[in-house]
Amino acid sequence: MDTSHKTAYTELQSMYSELKNYLDSVMLDPEDELLLRKCEHLGDKIYTYNAAILESNSRMYAAEQGCIKELIQQAKGAQEVLKSSEDKVKVVAQVANALDKIFQQLGKFL
């Protein structure tokens, strides 16, 4: 082997050793399988909990939106009734003014 091959081999061997040491340090031993299963179980419970919170909040948000829409409809209805009443009040006021004029004219004859 020439020098470049030896250097490449040495670098690859060093990289392999570092990678092996790293994997050995982070991998769990067989006796840690129970811990791994408990962590996975806890992860599943956290996921289920988060999904339930999202679902509950989504229903609450939808219900609140329904209430808000209903309030808006009621406010619009109240505005229409008020406008309708305002028009009626104007008509009644015009009739009252006309009656006042009639009574004033009648008062001149009596």
N, C-alpha and C. Protein backbone atom coordinates (compact mmCIF):
# COMPACT_ATOMS: atom_id res chain seq x y z
N MET A 1 0.84 -1.17 0.00
CA MET A 1 0.00 0.00 0.00
C MET A 1 0.89 1.24 0.00
N ASP A 2 0.45 2.19 -0.79
CA ASP A 2 1.23 3.43 -0.78
C ASP A 2 0.74 4.33 0.35
N THR A 3 1.40 5.45 0.54
CA THR A 3 1.14 6.33 1.67
C THR A 3 -0.28 6.89 1.65
N SER A 4 -0.79 7.27 0.49
CA SER A 4 -2.14 7.84 0.44
C SER A 4 -3.19 6.81 0.83
N HIS A 5 -2.95 5.55 0.44
CA HIS A 5 -3.90 4.49 0.84
C HIS A 5 -3.83 4.24 2.34
N LYS A 6 -2.60 4.26 2.88
CA LYS A 6 -2.45 4.05 4.33
C LYS A 6 -3.12 5.20 5.09
N THR A 7 -2.93 6.41 4.60
CA THR A 7 -3.52 7.58 5.26
C THR A 7 -5.04 7.49 5.19
N ALA A 8 -5.56 7.14 4.03
CA ALA A 8 -7.01 7.02 3.88
C ALA A 8 -7.53 5.91 4.78
N TYR A 9 -6.83 4.76 4.83
CA TYR A 9 -7.25 3.65 5.67
C TYR A 9 -7.24 4.07 7.14
N THR A 10 -6.19 4.76 7.55
CA THR A 10 -6.06 5.21 8.94
C THR A 10 -7.21 6.18 9.29
N GLU A 11 -7.52 7.10 8.38
CA GLU A 11 -8.62 8.05 8.62
C GLU A 11 -9.96 7.33 8.71
N LEU A 12 -10.16 6.37 7.79
CA LEU A 12 -11.41 5.60 7.82
C LEU A 12 -11.51 4.78 9.10
N GLN A 13 -10.40 4.17 9.52
CA GLN A 13 -10.39 3.38 10.75
C GLN A 13 -10.69 4.28 11.95
N SER A 14 -10.13 5.48 11.95
CA SER A 14 -10.36 6.42 13.03
C SER A 14 -11.84 6.86 13.05
N MET A 15 -12.37 7.15 11.87
CA MET A 15 -13.78 7.55 11.76
C MET A 15 -14.68 6.43 12.23
N TYR A 16 -14.36 5.19 11.83
CA TYR A 16 -15.14 4.02 12.25
C TYR A 16 -15.10 3.88 13.77
N SER A 17 -13.95 4.04 14.36
CA SER A 17 -13.81 3.90 15.81
C SER A 17 -14.61 4.98 16.54
N GLU A 18 -14.54 6.22 16.04
CA GLU A 18 -15.30 7.30 16.66
C GLU A 18 -16.81 7.05 16.56
N LEU A 19 -17.23 6.60 15.39
CA LEU A 19 -18.65 6.32 15.18
C LEU A 19 -19.11 5.18 16.08
N LYS A 20 -18.29 4.14 16.17
CA LYS A 20 -18.63 3.00 17.03
C LYS A 20 -18.70 3.42 18.49
N ASN A 21 -17.75 4.22 18.94
CA ASN A 21 -17.76 4.70 20.32
C ASN A 21 -19.01 5.55 20.59
N TYR A 22 -19.35 6.39 19.63
CA TYR A 22 -20.55 7.23 19.79
C TYR A 22 -21.80 6.37 19.89
N LEU A 23 -21.94 5.42 18.95
CA LEU A 23 -23.13 4.56 18.96
C LEU A 23 -23.19 3.72 20.23
N ASP A 24 -22.04 3.24 20.68
CA ASP A 24 -22.02 2.46 21.92
C ASP A 24 -22.46 3.32 23.11
N SER A 25 -22.12 4.60 23.06
CA SER A 25 -22.46 5.45 24.20
C SER A 25 -23.93 5.85 24.21
N VAL A 26 -24.55 5.90 23.04
CA VAL A 26 -25.95 6.34 23.01
C VAL A 26 -26.95 5.20 22.91
N MET A 27 -26.50 4.03 22.56
CA MET A 27 -27.43 2.90 22.44
C MET A 27 -27.73 2.31 23.81
N LEU A 28 -28.95 1.86 23.94
CA LEU A 28 -29.36 1.26 25.21
C LEU A 28 -28.96 -0.21 25.24
N ASP A 29 -28.66 -0.64 26.42
CA ASP A 29 -28.35 -2.06 26.61
C ASP A 29 -29.65 -2.83 26.69
N PRO A 30 -29.61 -4.15 26.48
CA PRO A 30 -30.84 -4.95 26.55
C PRO A 30 -31.59 -4.79 27.87
N GLU A 31 -30.89 -4.59 28.96
CA GLU A 31 -31.58 -4.44 30.24
C GLU A 31 -32.32 -3.10 30.34
N ASP A 32 -32.03 -2.17 29.42
CA ASP A 32 -32.73 -0.88 29.41
C ASP A 32 -33.98 -0.90 28.53
N GLU A 33 -34.35 -2.09 28.04
CA GLU A 33 -35.52 -2.19 27.16
C GLU A 33 -36.80 -1.77 27.89
N LEU A 34 -36.92 -2.11 29.17
CA LEU A 34 -38.10 -1.72 29.95
C LEU A 34 -38.21 -0.19 30.01
N LEU A 35 -37.09 0.47 30.22
CA LEU A 35 -37.09 1.94 30.25
C LEU A 35 -37.52 2.49 28.90
N LEU A 36 -37.02 1.91 27.82
CA LEU A 36 -37.39 2.35 26.48
C LEU A 36 -38.89 2.18 26.25
N ARG A 37 -39.44 1.05 26.67
CA ARG A 37 -40.88 0.82 26.50
C ARG A 37 -41.71 1.80 27.33
N LYS A 38 -41.25 2.10 28.55
CA LYS A 38 -41.95 3.07 29.38
C LYS A 38 -41.93 4.46 28.72
N CYS A 39 -40.78 4.81 28.15
CA CYS A 39 -40.68 6.10 27.46
C CYS A 39 -41.61 6.14 26.26
N GLU A 40 -41.68 5.06 25.50
CA GLU A 40 -42.58 5.00 24.35
C GLU A 40 -44.04 5.09 24.80
N HIS A 41 -44.36 4.40 25.89
CA HIS A 41 -45.72 4.44 26.45
C HIS A 41 -46.06 5.86 26.89
N LEU A 42 -45.11 6.50 27.57
CA LEU A 42 -45.32 7.89 28.00
C LEU A 42 -45.50 8.79 26.78
N GLY A 43 -44.71 8.58 25.74
CA GLY A 43 -44.85 9.37 24.51
C GLY A 43 -46.23 9.19 23.90
N ASP A 44 -46.74 7.95 23.90
CA ASP A 44 -48.09 7.70 23.37
C ASP A 44 -49.14 8.43 24.21
N LYS A 45 -48.98 8.40 25.54
CA LYS A 45 -49.94 9.09 26.41
C LYS A 45 -49.91 10.60 26.18
N ILE A 46 -48.72 11.16 26.03
CA ILE A 46 -48.59 12.60 25.77
C ILE A 46 -49.25 12.95 24.45
N TYR A 47 -49.04 12.11 23.43
CA TYR A 47 -49.67 12.36 22.12
C TYR A 47 -51.20 12.31 22.24
N THR A 48 -51.72 11.31 22.95
CA THR A 48 -53.17 11.18 23.15
C THR A 48 -53.71 12.39 23.91
N TYR A 49 -52.99 12.81 24.94
CA TYR A 49 -53.40 13.97 25.73
C TYR A 49 -53.45 15.22 24.85
N ASN A 50 -52.41 15.44 24.06
CA ASN A 50 -52.38 16.62 23.18
C ASN A 50 -53.50 16.57 22.15
N ALA A 51 -53.76 15.39 21.60
CA ALA A 51 -54.85 15.26 20.63
C ALA A 51 -56.19 15.57 21.28
N ALA A 52 -56.39 15.10 22.52
CA ALA A 52 -57.65 15.37 23.23
C ALA A 52 -57.81 16.86 23.51
N ILE A 53 -56.73 17.51 23.89
CA ILE A 53 -56.80 18.96 24.15
C ILE A 53 -57.15 19.70 22.87
N LEU A 54 -56.51 19.34 21.77
CA LEU A 54 -56.80 20.00 20.49
C LEU A 54 -58.25 19.79 20.09
N GLU A 55 -58.74 18.56 20.25
CA GLU A 55 -60.13 18.26 19.88
C GLU A 55 -61.10 19.05 20.76
N SER A 56 -60.83 19.07 22.06
CA SER A 56 -61.70 19.80 23.00
C SER A 56 -61.70 21.29 22.68
N ASN A 57 -60.52 21.85 22.46
CA ASN A 57 -60.43 23.27 22.14
C ASN A 57 -61.08 23.59 20.80
N SER A 58 -60.99 22.67 19.85
CA SER A 58 -61.63 22.89 18.55
C SER A 58 -63.15 22.94 18.71
N ARG A 59 -63.70 22.02 19.51
CA ARG A 59 -65.15 22.03 19.74
C ARG A 59 -65.57 23.30 20.48
N MET A 60 -64.77 23.70 21.48
CA MET A 60 -65.08 24.91 22.24
C MET A 60 -65.00 26.13 21.31
N TYR A 61 -64.00 26.17 20.47
CA TYR A 61 -63.84 27.29 19.54
C TYR A 61 -65.03 27.35 18.58
N ALA A 62 -65.43 26.18 18.07
CA ALA A 62 -66.57 26.14 17.14
C ALA A 62 -67.84 26.59 17.86
N ALA A 63 -68.02 26.17 19.11
CA ALA A 63 -69.21 26.58 19.87
C ALA A 63 -69.19 28.08 20.11
N GLU A 64 -68.03 28.61 20.45
CA GLU A 64 -67.93 30.04 20.68
C GLU A 64 -68.23 30.81 19.39
N GLN A 65 -67.74 30.28 18.27
CA GLN A 65 -68.01 30.94 16.99
C GLN A 65 -69.51 30.92 16.70
N GLY A 66 -70.17 29.80 17.02
CA GLY A 66 -71.62 29.73 16.84
C GLY A 66 -72.35 30.76 17.69
N CYS A 67 -71.91 30.91 18.94
CA CYS A 67 -72.52 31.90 19.84
C CYS A 67 -72.30 33.31 19.31
N ILE A 68 -71.11 33.56 18.82
CA ILE A 68 -70.80 34.90 18.30
C ILE A 68 -71.64 35.18 17.07
N LYS A 69 -71.78 34.19 16.20
CA LYS A 69 -72.61 34.39 15.00
C LYS A 69 -74.06 34.65 15.40
N GLU A 70 -74.53 33.93 16.41
CA GLU A 70 -75.90 34.13 16.88
C GLU A 70 -76.08 35.53 17.44
N LEU A 71 -75.10 36.00 18.21
CA LEU A 71 -75.16 37.36 18.76
C LEU A 71 -75.18 38.40 17.64
N ILE A 72 -74.40 38.17 16.62
CA ILE A 72 -74.38 39.10 15.48
C ILE A 72 -75.73 39.13 14.80
N GLN A 73 -76.34 37.96 14.61
CA GLN A 73 -77.66 37.90 13.99
C GLN A 73 -78.70 38.62 14.85
N GLN A 74 -78.62 38.42 16.16
CA GLN A 74 -79.56 39.09 17.05
C GLN A 74 -79.37 40.60 17.00
N ALA A 75 -78.13 41.05 16.95
CA ALA A 75 -77.87 42.49 16.88
C ALA A 75 -78.40 43.06 15.57
N LYS A 76 -78.23 42.33 14.47
CA LYS A 76 -78.76 42.79 13.19
C LYS A 76 -80.29 42.85 13.23
N GLY A 77 -80.89 41.84 13.83
CA GLY A 77 -82.35 41.83 13.97
C GLY A 77 -82.83 42.99 14.80
N ALA A 78 -82.11 43.28 15.89
CA ALA A 78 -82.49 44.41 16.75
C ALA A 78 -82.37 45.72 15.99
N GLN A 79 -81.34 45.85 15.16
CA GLN A 79 -81.19 47.07 14.35
C GLN A 79 -82.36 47.22 13.38
N GLU A 80 -82.76 46.12 12.76
CA GLU A 80 -83.89 46.19 11.82
C GLU A 80 -85.17 46.58 12.55
N VAL A 81 -85.40 45.99 13.73
CA VAL A 81 -86.60 46.33 14.51
C VAL A 81 -86.56 47.79 14.91
N LEU A 82 -85.39 48.26 15.34
CA LEU A 82 -85.25 49.66 15.74
C LEU A 82 -85.51 50.58 14.56
N LYS A 83 -84.95 50.23 13.41
CA LYS A 83 -85.17 51.06 12.22
C LYS A 83 -86.65 51.06 11.84
N SER A 84 -87.27 49.89 11.90
CA SER A 84 -88.70 49.79 11.60
C SER A 84 -89.49 50.63 12.59
N SER A 85 -89.13 50.56 13.87
CA SER A 85 -89.81 51.35 14.90
C SER A 85 -89.59 52.83 14.65
N GLU A 86 -88.39 53.18 14.25
CA GLU A 86 -88.07 54.59 13.99
C GLU A 86 -88.95 55.12 12.86
N ASP A 87 -89.11 54.30 11.82
CA ASP A 87 -89.99 54.71 10.72
C ASP A 87 -91.43 54.88 11.21
N LYS A 88 -91.88 53.96 12.08
CA LYS A 88 -93.24 54.05 12.62
C LYS A 88 -93.39 55.28 13.49
N VAL A 89 -92.36 55.57 14.29
CA VAL A 89 -92.40 56.75 15.16
C VAL A 89 -92.50 58.01 14.32
N LYS A 90 -91.75 58.05 13.20
CA LYS A 90 -91.82 59.22 12.32
C LYS A 90 -93.23 59.39 11.76
N VAL A 91 -93.84 58.27 11.36
CA VAL A 91 -95.20 58.33 10.83
C VAL A 91 -96.16 58.80 11.91
N VAL A 92 -96.02 58.24 13.12
CA VAL A 92 -96.89 58.64 14.23
C VAL A 92 -96.69 60.12 14.54
N ALA A 93 -95.44 60.59 14.51
CA ALA A 93 -95.17 62.01 14.77
C ALA A 93 -95.82 62.87 13.70
N GLN A 94 -95.76 62.44 12.44
CA GLN A 94 -96.40 63.20 11.36
C GLN A 94 -97.92 63.24 11.56
N VAL A 95 -98.48 62.10 11.94
CA VAL A 95 -99.92 62.05 12.20
C VAL A 95 -100.27 62.97 13.37
N ALA A 96 -99.45 62.93 14.43
CA ALA A 96 -99.71 63.78 15.60
C ALA A 96 -99.63 65.25 15.21
N ASN A 97 -98.65 65.61 14.39
CA ASN A 97 -98.55 67.01 13.93
C ASN A 97 -99.78 67.41 13.12
N ALA A 98 -100.20 66.50 12.25
CA ALA A 98 -101.39 66.78 11.44
C ALA A 98 -102.61 66.94 12.34
N LEU A 99 -102.74 66.07 13.35
CA LEU A 99 -103.87 66.18 14.30
C LEU A 99 -103.79 67.48 15.07
N ASP A 100 -102.59 67.90 15.48
CA ASP A 100 -102.44 69.18 16.18
C ASP A 100 -102.96 70.33 15.32
N LYS A 101 -102.61 70.30 14.04
CA LYS A 101 -103.07 71.36 13.13
C LYS A 101 -104.59 71.32 12.98
N ILE A 102 -105.13 70.13 12.91
CA ILE A 102 -106.59 69.99 12.80
C ILE A 102 -107.26 70.55 14.05
N PHE A 103 -106.71 70.18 15.24
CA PHE A 103 -107.31 70.68 16.49
C PHE A 103 -107.17 72.19 16.60
N GLN A 104 -106.05 72.73 16.11
CA GLN A 104 -105.89 74.19 16.13
C GLN A 104 -106.97 74.86 15.25
N GLN A 105 -107.19 74.28 14.10
CA GLN A 105 -108.22 74.83 13.21
C GLN A 105 -109.60 74.68 13.85
N LEU A 106 -109.86 73.53 14.46
CA LEU A 106 -111.15 73.33 15.12
C LEU A 106 -111.30 74.32 16.28
N GLY A 107 -110.21 74.59 16.97
CA GLY A 107 -110.27 75.52 18.08
C GLY A 107 -110.67 76.92 17.65
N LYS A 108 -110.36 77.28 16.46
CA LYS A 108 -110.76 78.59 15.96
C LYS A 108 -112.26 78.66 15.77
N PHE A 109 -112.88 77.55 15.43
CA PHE A 109 -114.32 77.54 15.20
C PHE A 109 -115.11 77.40 16.49
N LEU A 110 -114.51 76.89 17.51
CA LEU A 110 -115.26 76.66 18.74
C LEU A 110 -115.15 77.83 19.62
